[in-house]
C-alpha atoms as a PDB file:
ATOM      1  CA  MET A   1     -12.290  -4.479  22.757  1.00  0.00           C
ATOM      2  CA  ALA A   2     -13.570  -1.894  20.283  1.00  0.00           C
ATOM      3  CA  GLU A   3     -17.294  -1.713  19.711  1.00  0.00           C
ATOM      4  CA  LEU A   4     -18.448  -3.535  16.634  1.00  0.00           C
ATOM      5  CA  LYS A   5     -20.113  -1.310  14.092  1.00  0.00           C
ATOM      6  CA  PRO A   6     -20.766  -1.936  10.405  1.00  0.00           C
ATOM      7  CA  SER A   7     -18.630   0.205   8.122  1.00  0.00           C
ATOM      8  CA  GLY A   8     -18.957   1.199   4.495  1.00  0.00           C
ATOM      9  CA  LYS A   9     -20.838  -0.888   1.996  1.00  0.00           C
ATOM     10  CA  SER A  10     -19.213  -3.107  -0.594  1.00  0.00           C
ATOM     11  CA  PRO A  11     -21.637  -3.791  -3.417  1.00  0.00           C
ATOM     12  CA  SER A  12     -21.826  -7.038  -5.280  1.00  0.00           C
ATOM     13  CA  PRO A  13     -21.994  -7.036  -9.090  1.00  0.00           C
ATOM     14  CA  HIS A  14     -25.785  -7.040  -8.645  1.00  0.00           C
ATOM     15  CA  GLY A  15     -25.825  -3.958  -6.428  1.00  0.00           C
ATOM     16  CA  ARG A  16     -26.357  -5.765  -3.106  1.00  0.00           C
ATOM     17  CA  THR A  17     -24.063  -5.350  -0.148  1.00  0.00           C
ATOM     18  CA  LEU A  18     -21.801  -8.326   0.446  1.00  0.00           C
ATOM     19  CA  LYS A  19     -21.996  -8.521   4.208  1.00  0.00           C
ATOM     20  CA  TYR A  20     -18.877 -10.599   4.702  1.00  0.00           C
ATOM     21  CA  ILE A  21     -16.873  -7.990   2.757  1.00  0.00           C
ATOM     22  CA  THR A  22     -18.289  -5.218   4.960  1.00  0.00           C
ATOM     23  CA  ILE A  23     -17.184  -7.149   8.057  1.00  0.00           C
ATOM     24  CA  ARG A  24     -13.792  -7.985   6.566  1.00  0.00           C
ATOM     25  CA  ASN A  25     -13.178  -4.354   5.678  1.00  0.00           C
ATOM     26  CA  TRP A  26     -14.135  -3.170   9.156  1.00  0.00           C
ATOM     27  CA  LEU A  27     -11.811  -5.666  10.817  1.00  0.00           C
ATOM     28  CA  ALA A  28      -8.975  -4.840   8.408  1.00  0.00           C
ATOM     29  CA  GLU A  29      -9.294  -1.099   9.125  1.00  0.00           C
ATOM     30  CA  LYS A  30      -9.159  -1.724  12.880  1.00  0.00           C
ATOM     31  CA  ILE A  31      -6.079  -3.911  12.494  1.00  0.00           C
ATOM     32  CA  ALA A  32      -4.372  -1.427  10.196  1.00  0.00           C
ATOM     33  CA  ASN A  33      -4.851   1.512  12.574  1.00  0.00           C
ATOM     34  CA  GLY A  34      -3.773  -0.475  15.619  1.00  0.00           C
ATOM     35  CA  GLU A  35      -7.115  -0.778  17.411  1.00  0.00           C
ATOM     36  CA  PHE A  36      -6.636  -4.529  17.173  1.00  0.00           C
ATOM     37  CA  ALA A  37      -2.928  -4.959  17.856  1.00  0.00           C
ATOM     38  CA  SER A  38      -0.621  -7.797  16.851  1.00  0.00           C
ATOM     39  CA  GLY A  39      -1.352 -10.843  19.006  1.00  0.00           C
ATOM     40  CA  GLN A  40      -4.731  -9.530  20.156  1.00  0.00           C
ATOM     41  CA  GLN A  41      -7.813 -11.710  20.004  1.00  0.00           C
ATOM     42  CA  LEU A  42     -10.484 -10.528  17.597  1.00  0.00           C
ATOM     43  CA  PRO A  43     -14.234 -10.526  18.260  1.00  0.00           C
ATOM     44  CA  SER A  44     -15.715 -14.011  18.168  1.00  0.00           C
ATOM     45  CA  GLU A  45     -17.927 -15.293  15.391  1.00  0.00           C
ATOM     46  CA  HIS A  46     -20.915 -15.004  17.747  1.00  0.00           C
ATOM     47  CA  GLU A  47     -20.126 -11.336  18.496  1.00  0.00           C
ATOM     48  CA  VAL A  48     -19.885 -10.576  14.799  1.00  0.00           C
ATOM     49  CA  MET A  49     -23.123 -12.459  14.133  1.00  0.00           C
ATOM     50  CA  ASP A  50     -24.976 -10.458  16.788  1.00  0.00           C
ATOM     51  CA  GLN A  51     -23.611  -7.032  15.904  1.00  0.00           C
ATOM     52  CA  PHE A  52     -23.889  -7.330  12.130  1.00  0.00           C
ATOM     53  CA  GLY A  53     -27.004  -9.493  12.039  1.00  0.00           C
ATOM     54  CA  VAL A  54     -25.421 -12.192   9.888  1.00  0.00           C
ATOM     55  CA  SER A  55     -25.207 -15.959   9.879  1.00  0.00           C
ATOM     56  CA  ARG A  56     -22.257 -17.971  11.166  1.00  0.00           C
ATOM     57  CA  VAL A  57     -21.353 -18.799   7.558  1.00  0.00           C
ATOM     58  CA  THR A  58     -21.086 -15.092   6.693  1.00  0.00           C
ATOM     59  CA  ALA A  59     -19.078 -14.256   9.811  1.00  0.00           C
ATOM     60  CA  ARG A  60     -16.673 -17.123   9.173  1.00  0.00           C
ATOM     61  CA  GLN A  61     -16.274 -16.086   5.547  1.00  0.00           C
ATOM     62  CA  ALA A  62     -15.141 -12.618   6.667  1.00  0.00           C
ATOM     63  CA  PHE A  63     -12.524 -14.109   8.998  1.00  0.00           C
ATOM     64  CA  ASP A  64     -11.388 -16.567   6.318  1.00  0.00           C
ATOM     65  CA  GLU A  65     -10.794 -13.682   3.910  1.00  0.00           C
ATOM     66  CA  LEU A  66      -8.397 -12.087   6.390  1.00  0.00           C
ATOM     67  CA  ARG A  67      -6.795 -15.395   7.261  1.00  0.00           C
ATOM     68  CA  ARG A  68      -5.964 -16.025   3.602  1.00  0.00           C
ATOM     69  CA  THR A  69      -4.105 -12.724   3.420  1.00  0.00           C
ATOM     70  CA  GLY A  70      -2.046 -13.654   6.485  1.00  0.00           C
ATOM     71  CA  VAL A  71      -3.410 -10.823   8.636  1.00  0.00           C
ATOM     72  CA  VAL A  72      -5.112 -13.109  11.177  1.00  0.00           C
ATOM     73  CA  GLU A  73      -4.782 -16.688  12.309  1.00  0.00           C
ATOM     74  CA  SER A  74      -7.295 -19.090  13.826  1.00  0.00           C
ATOM     75  CA  ARG A  75      -6.444 -21.071  16.947  1.00  0.00           C
ATOM     76  CA  GLN A  76      -8.392 -24.228  17.609  1.00  0.00           C
ATOM     77  CA  GLY A  77     -10.934 -23.658  20.353  1.00  0.00           C
ATOM     78  CA  LYS A  78      -9.744 -20.096  21.036  1.00  0.00           C
ATOM     79  CA  GLY A  79     -10.828 -17.976  18.081  1.00  0.00           C
ATOM     80  CA  TYR A  80      -9.071 -15.553  15.773  1.00  0.00           C
ATOM     81  CA  PHE A  81      -5.950 -13.529  16.570  1.00  0.00           C
ATOM     82  CA  VAL A  82      -4.131 -10.697  14.808  1.00  0.00           C
ATOM     83  CA  VAL A  83      -0.877 -11.784  13.207  1.00  0.00           C
ATOM     84  CA  GLY A  84      -0.038  -8.244  12.158  1.00  0.00           C
ATOM     85  CA  PHE A  85      -1.029  -5.858   9.412  1.00  0.00           C
ATOM     86  CA  ARG A  86       1.182  -6.366   6.401  1.00  0.00           C
ATOM     87  CA  ALA A  87       0.741  -5.137   2.860  1.00  0.00           C
ATOM     88  CA  THR A  88       1.793  -7.783   0.354  1.00  0.00           C
ATOM     89  CA  ALA A  89       3.128  -6.688  -3.026  1.00  0.00           C
ATOM     90  CA  SER A  90       3.450  -9.062  -5.940  1.00  0.00           C
ATOM     91  CA  LEU A  91       6.788  -8.935  -7.732  1.00  0.00           C
ATOM     92  CA  GLU A  92       5.221 -10.631 -10.748  1.00  0.00           C
ATOM     93  CA  ARG A  93       3.343  -7.546 -11.936  1.00  0.00           C
ATOM     94  CA  LEU A  94       3.574  -3.781 -11.648  1.00  0.00           C
ATOM     95  CA  GLN A  95       1.123  -2.706  -8.934  1.00  0.00           C
ATOM     96  CA  SER A  96       0.035   0.614  -7.526  1.00  0.00           C
ATOM     97  CA  PHE A  97      -0.343   1.075  -3.768  1.00  0.00           C
ATOM     98  CA  GLY A  98      -4.128   0.983  -4.029  1.00  0.00           C
ATOM     99  CA  GLU A  99      -4.058  -2.212  -6.075  1.00  0.00           C
ATOM    100  CA  MET A 100      -1.759  -3.802  -3.511  1.00  0.00           C
ATOM    101  CA  MET A 101      -4.077  -2.903  -0.629  1.00  0.00           C
ATOM    102  CA  ALA A 102      -7.370  -3.686  -2.372  1.00  0.00           C
ATOM    103  CA  PRO A 103      -7.529  -7.369  -1.294  1.00  0.00           C
ATOM    104  CA  LEU A 104      -7.497  -6.241   2.350  1.00  0.00           C
ATOM    105  CA  GLY A 105     -10.343  -3.787   1.879  1.00  0.00           C
ATOM    106  CA  VAL A 106      -8.433  -1.034   3.676  1.00  0.00           C
ATOM    107  CA  GLU A 107      -8.992   2.636   2.868  1.00  0.00           C
ATOM    108  CA  THR A 108      -5.856   4.211   1.431  1.00  0.00           C
ATOM    109  CA  HIS A 109      -4.621   7.691   0.627  1.00  0.00           C
ATOM    110  CA  SER A 110      -1.389   9.677   0.420  1.00  0.00           C
ATOM    111  CA  ASN A 111      -0.077  12.643   2.343  1.00  0.00           C
ATOM    112  CA  VAL A 112       1.956  14.726  -0.090  1.00  0.00           C
ATOM    113  CA  LEU A 113       4.938  16.116   1.815  1.00  0.00           C
ATOM    114  CA  GLU A 114       6.662  17.933  -1.035  1.00  0.00           C
ATOM    115  CA  LEU A 115       6.125  18.529  -4.725  1.00  0.00           C
ATOM    116  CA  LEU A 116       8.681  20.649  -6.542  1.00  0.00           C
ATOM    117  CA  GLU A 117      11.096  20.894  -9.447  1.00  0.00           C
ATOM    118  CA  ILE A 118      14.782  20.351  -8.720  1.00  0.00           C
ATOM    119  CA  GLN A 119      18.047  19.769 -10.500  1.00  0.00           C
ATOM    120  CA  PRO A 120      18.636  16.004 -10.364  1.00  0.00           C
ATOM    121  CA  ASP A 121      21.728  14.420  -8.904  1.00  0.00           C
ATOM    122  CA  ALA A 122      23.728  12.018 -11.042  1.00  0.00           C
ATOM    123  CA  THR A 123      21.819   8.936  -9.860  1.00  0.00           C
ATOM    124  CA  VAL A 124      18.406  10.379 -10.708  1.00  0.00           C
ATOM    125  CA  ALA A 125      19.508  11.818 -14.052  1.00  0.00           C
ATOM    126  CA  GLU A 126      21.058   8.530 -15.111  1.00  0.00           C
ATOM    127  CA  ALA A 127      18.011   6.512 -14.042  1.00  0.00           C
ATOM    128  CA  LEU A 128      15.591   8.757 -15.947  1.00  0.00           C
ATOM    129  CA  GLN A 129      17.995   8.960 -18.908  1.00  0.00           C
ATOM    130  CA  LEU A 130      18.068  12.761 -18.778  1.00  0.00           C
ATOM    131  CA  PRO A 131      20.798  15.408 -19.099  1.00  0.00           C
ATOM    132  CA  ALA A 132      22.145  16.416 -15.700  1.00  0.00           C
ATOM    133  CA  ASP A 133      21.045  20.032 -16.234  1.00  0.00           C
ATOM    134  CA  GLN A 134      17.412  19.174 -17.009  1.00  0.00           C
ATOM    135  CA  PRO A 135      15.062  19.713 -14.028  1.00  0.00           C
ATOM    136  CA  VAL A 136      12.873  16.894 -12.761  1.00  0.00           C
ATOM    137  CA  THR A 137       9.821  16.793 -10.501  1.00  0.00           C
ATOM    138  CA  ARG A 138      10.354  15.366  -7.020  1.00  0.00           C
ATOM    139  CA  MET A 139       7.447  14.209  -4.905  1.00  0.00           C
ATOM    140  CA  GLY A 140       7.585  12.951  -1.320  1.00  0.00           C
ATOM    141  CA  ARG A 141       4.570  11.105   0.074  1.00  0.00           C
ATOM    142  CA  THR A 142       3.571   8.935   2.987  1.00  0.00           C
ATOM    143  CA  ARG A 143       1.235   6.147   1.908  1.00  0.00           C
ATOM    144  CA  ILE A 144      -1.538   5.687   4.449  1.00  0.00           C
ATOM    145  CA  ALA A 145      -3.625   2.544   4.984  1.00  0.00           C
ATOM    146  CA  GLY A 146      -6.276   2.468   7.678  1.00  0.00           C
ATOM    147  CA  GLY A 147      -4.828   5.615   9.222  1.00  0.00           C
ATOM    148  CA  THR A 148      -1.306   4.174   9.488  1.00  0.00           C
ATOM    149  CA  ALA A 149       1.768   5.202   7.470  1.00  0.00           C
ATOM    150  CA  VAL A 150       2.818   2.080   5.567  1.00  0.00           C
ATOM    151  CA  SER A 151       5.599   3.645   3.517  1.00  0.00           C
ATOM    152  CA  LEU A 152       7.483   6.802   2.646  1.00  0.00           C
ATOM    153  CA  ASP A 153       7.856   7.256  -1.116  1.00  0.00           C
ATOM    154  CA  ILE A 154      10.339   9.640  -2.721  1.00  0.00           C
ATOM    155  CA  SER A 155       9.638   9.812  -6.433  1.00  0.00           C
ATOM    156  CA  TYR A 156      11.202  11.575  -9.418  1.00  0.00           C
ATOM    157  CA  TYR A 157       9.541  12.205 -12.778  1.00  0.00           C
ATOM    158  CA  PRO A 158      10.654  13.827 -16.033  1.00  0.00           C
ATOM    159  CA  ARG A 159       9.544  17.450 -15.939  1.00  0.00           C
ATOM    160  CA  ASP A 160       6.888  17.123 -18.663  1.00  0.00           C
ATOM    161  CA  ILE A 161       5.193  14.312 -16.725  1.00  0.00           C
ATOM    162  CA  GLY A 162       5.673  15.911 -13.315  1.00  0.00           C
ATOM    163  CA  ARG A 163       4.084  19.215 -14.318  1.00  0.00           C
ATOM    164  CA  ARG A 164       0.968  17.413 -15.496  1.00  0.00           C
ATOM    165  CA  LEU A 165       0.802  15.332 -12.329  1.00  0.00           C
ATOM    166  CA  MET A 166       1.037  18.459 -10.139  1.00  0.00           C
ATOM    167  CA  VAL A 167      -2.496  19.580 -11.015  1.00  0.00           C
ATOM    168  CA  LEU A 168      -4.112  16.185 -10.322  1.00  0.00           C
ATOM    169  CA  ASP A 169      -5.444  14.633  -7.099  1.00  0.00           C
ATOM    170  CA  LEU A 170      -2.281  13.062  -5.723  1.00  0.00           C
ATOM    171  CA  GLY A 171      -3.763  12.474  -2.293  1.00  0.00           C
ATOM    172  CA  HIS A 172      -6.495  10.052  -3.266  1.00  0.00           C
ATOM    173  CA  GLU A 173      -5.432   8.636  -6.618  1.00  0.00           C
ATOM    174  CA  ASP A 174      -2.457   6.363  -7.308  1.00  0.00           C
ATOM    175  CA  VAL A 175       0.122   7.938  -9.602  1.00  0.00           C
ATOM    176  CA  PHE A 176       0.149   4.863 -11.850  1.00  0.00           C
ATOM    177  CA  VAL A 177      -3.610   5.223 -12.297  1.00  0.00           C
ATOM    178  CA  LEU A 178      -3.284   8.950 -12.982  1.00  0.00           C
ATOM    179  CA  MET A 179      -0.566   8.303 -15.568  1.00  0.00           C
ATOM    180  CA  GLU A 180      -2.689   5.767 -17.384  1.00  0.00           C
ATOM    181  CA  ARG A 181      -6.113   7.398 -17.169  1.00  0.00           C
ATOM    182  CA  HIS A 182      -5.303  11.107 -17.265  1.00  0.00           C
ATOM    183  CA  LEU A 183      -1.925  11.404 -18.970  1.00  0.00           C
ATOM    184  CA  GLY A 184      -2.425   8.612 -21.504  1.00  0.00           C
ATOM    185  CA  ILE A 185       0.835   6.889 -20.546  1.00  0.00           C
ATOM    186  CA  GLU A 186       0.845   3.137 -21.105  1.00  0.00           C
ATOM    187  CA  LEU A 187       3.031   1.658 -18.390  1.00  0.00           C
ATOM    188  CA  GLY A 188       5.162  -1.249 -19.478  1.00  0.00           C
ATOM    189  CA  TYR A 189       7.439  -2.646 -16.781  1.00  0.00           C
ATOM    190  CA  ALA A 190       9.671  -1.752 -13.850  1.00  0.00           C
ATOM    191  CA  ASP A 191      13.089  -2.738 -12.580  1.00  0.00           C
ATOM    192  CA  VAL A 192      12.992  -3.307  -8.820  1.00  0.00           C
ATOM    193  CA  VAL A 193      15.783  -3.699  -6.269  1.00  0.00           C
ATOM    194  CA  LEU A 194      14.953  -4.663  -2.665  1.00  0.00           C
ATOM    195  CA  GLY A 195      17.150  -4.229   0.362  1.00  0.00           C
ATOM    196  CA  VAL A 196      17.276  -3.532   4.096  1.00  0.00           C
ATOM    197  CA  GLU A 197      19.203  -0.564   5.485  1.00  0.00           C
ATOM    198  CA  PRO A 198      19.395   1.661   8.586  1.00  0.00           C
ATOM    199  CA  VAL A 199      16.932   4.503   8.214  1.00  0.00           C
ATOM    200  CA  ALA A 200      17.993   8.142   8.291  1.00  0.00           C
ATOM    201  CA  ALA A 201      16.305  10.338  10.886  1.00  0.00           C
ATOM    202  CA  GLU A 202      14.729  12.500   8.156  1.00  0.00           C
ATOM    203  CA  HIS A 203      12.952   9.455   6.744  1.00  0.00           C
ATOM    204  CA  GLY A 204      12.296   7.429   9.869  1.00  0.00           C
ATOM    205  CA  ARG A 205      10.224  10.119  11.542  1.00  0.00           C
ATOM    206  CA  PHE A 206       7.496   9.717   8.930  1.00  0.00           C
ATOM    207  CA  LEU A 207       7.273   5.982   9.650  1.00  0.00           C
ATOM    208  CA  GLY A 208       7.580   6.142  13.418  1.00  0.00           C
ATOM    209  CA  VAL A 209      11.003   4.463  13.269  1.00  0.00           C
ATOM    210  CA  ASP A 210      14.064   5.663  15.183  1.00  0.00           C
ATOM    211  CA  ALA A 211      17.153   6.695  13.224  1.00  0.00           C
ATOM    212  CA  GLY A 212      19.461   3.769  12.547  1.00  0.00           C
ATOM    213  CA  GLN A 213      16.762   1.117  12.828  1.00  0.00           C
ATOM    214  CA  PRO A 214      16.458  -1.243   9.834  1.00  0.00           C
ATOM    215  CA  VAL A 215      13.762  -0.570   7.252  1.00  0.00           C
ATOM    216  CA  MET A 216      12.875  -2.080   3.907  1.00  0.00           C
ATOM    217  CA  ARG A 217      14.087  -0.068   0.937  1.00  0.00           C
ATOM    218  CA  LEU A 218      12.672  -0.600  -2.531  1.00  0.00           C
ATOM    219  CA  ARG A 219      14.157   1.111  -5.574  1.00  0.00           C
ATOM    220  CA  ARG A 220      11.822   1.080  -8.581  1.00  0.00           C
ATOM    221  CA  LEU A 221      12.469   2.422 -12.066  1.00  0.00           C
ATOM    222  CA  THR A 222       9.301   2.365 -14.162  1.00  0.00           C
ATOM    223  CA  PHE A 223       9.167   2.469 -17.975  1.00  0.00           C
ATOM    224  CA  ASP A 224       6.335   3.038 -20.395  1.00  0.00           C
ATOM    225  CA  ASN A 225       5.594   0.714 -23.294  1.00  0.00           C
ATOM    226  CA  SER A 226       8.038   2.578 -25.536  1.00  0.00           C
ATOM    227  CA  GLY A 227      10.885   1.986 -23.082  1.00  0.00           C
ATOM    228  CA  ARG A 228      11.020   5.553 -21.756  1.00  0.00           C
ATOM    229  CA  ALA A 229      11.826   5.883 -18.037  1.00  0.00           C
ATOM    230  CA  VAL A 230       8.827   7.690 -16.505  1.00  0.00           C
ATOM    231  CA  ALA A 231       9.364   7.338 -12.731  1.00  0.00           C
ATOM    232  CA  PHE A 232      12.279   6.649 -10.403  1.00  0.00           C
ATOM    233  CA  GLU A 233      11.300   5.915  -6.798  1.00  0.00           C
ATOM    234  CA  THR A 234      12.800   5.018  -3.464  1.00  0.00           C
ATOM    235  CA  ILE A 235      10.240   3.517  -1.082  1.00  0.00           C
ATOM    236  CA  TYR A 236      10.918   3.011   2.626  1.00  0.00           C
ATOM    237  CA  SER A 237       8.712   0.896   4.888  1.00  0.00           C
ATOM    238  CA  ARG A 238       8.870  -0.663   8.336  1.00  0.00           C
ATOM    239  CA  LEU A 239      10.014  -4.270   8.122  1.00  0.00           C
ATOM    240  CA  GLU A 240       6.745  -5.583   9.537  1.00  0.00           C
ATOM    241  CA  ALA A 241       4.555  -3.382   7.323  1.00  0.00           C
ATOM    242  CA  MET A 242       5.232  -4.880   3.897  1.00  0.00           C
ATOM    243  CA  ALA A 243       5.935  -8.255   2.354  1.00  0.00           C
ATOM    244  CA  PHE A 244       6.713  -9.282  -1.207  1.00  0.00           C
ATOM    245  CA  GLN A 245       5.759 -12.411  -3.067  1.00  0.00           C
ATOM    246  CA  ALA A 246       6.714 -13.943  -6.380  1.00  0.00           C
ATOM    247  CA  ARG A 247       6.391 -17.219  -8.248  1.00  0.00           C
ATOM    248  CA  MET A 248       9.782 -18.307  -9.512  1.00  0.00           C
ATOM    249  CA  PRO A 249      10.035 -21.132 -12.055  1.00  0.00           C
ATOM    250  CA  ARG A 250      12.942 -23.517 -11.795  1.00  0.00           C
ATOM    251  CA  TRP A 251      13.982 -22.884 -15.416  1.00  0.00           C
END
């Protein structure tokens, strides 16, 4: 079992560290990077109490936070066990990767694999509502949570947006956040299509998945508030790495 050590601080609105959040974040990072594997028993409440110098109430609150996200489960008389690290995206609102991961308290960043201007194929040009001869910006990234690649994102942007994104910090900031805060683009909505398909070798290698194995594929076309298409993305993830939730009314 990995040694228990407090990680980064998570301040409360009053500037004090919320100890149960610190513990939750540490556990989530260890689960995300595989140090606590699926099915493995986590440290006991007493171990957490001793190592972090907290009460049983605080230790239990940290475990309950993870249990509510579905990352761990409690077994009567045995303790807490890892169910598996899974990022959960809401289909009821447009979320960035960082916003999706925030409830788990896991550190996130992106590895930018490519960033260049290309001539779009017919699918990309039609999605972005552009002439076929107008270049677009293509960006390939792996999205990293707790040191583990959660997804491979291949994104296309109209050239005027892409050129402005190129000079920004794409490794540590979400593109949606950069669009809103730095480019002044008000995002409106996105059309999303989910599916499962065999992964190509060129994509699977970034996720640690063999060619031909099934992966989740998400196609997302994002519009600003004026109805202009501003991003067209294909996102691949391991089946166990992501989940999606939505509330669907009967009528």
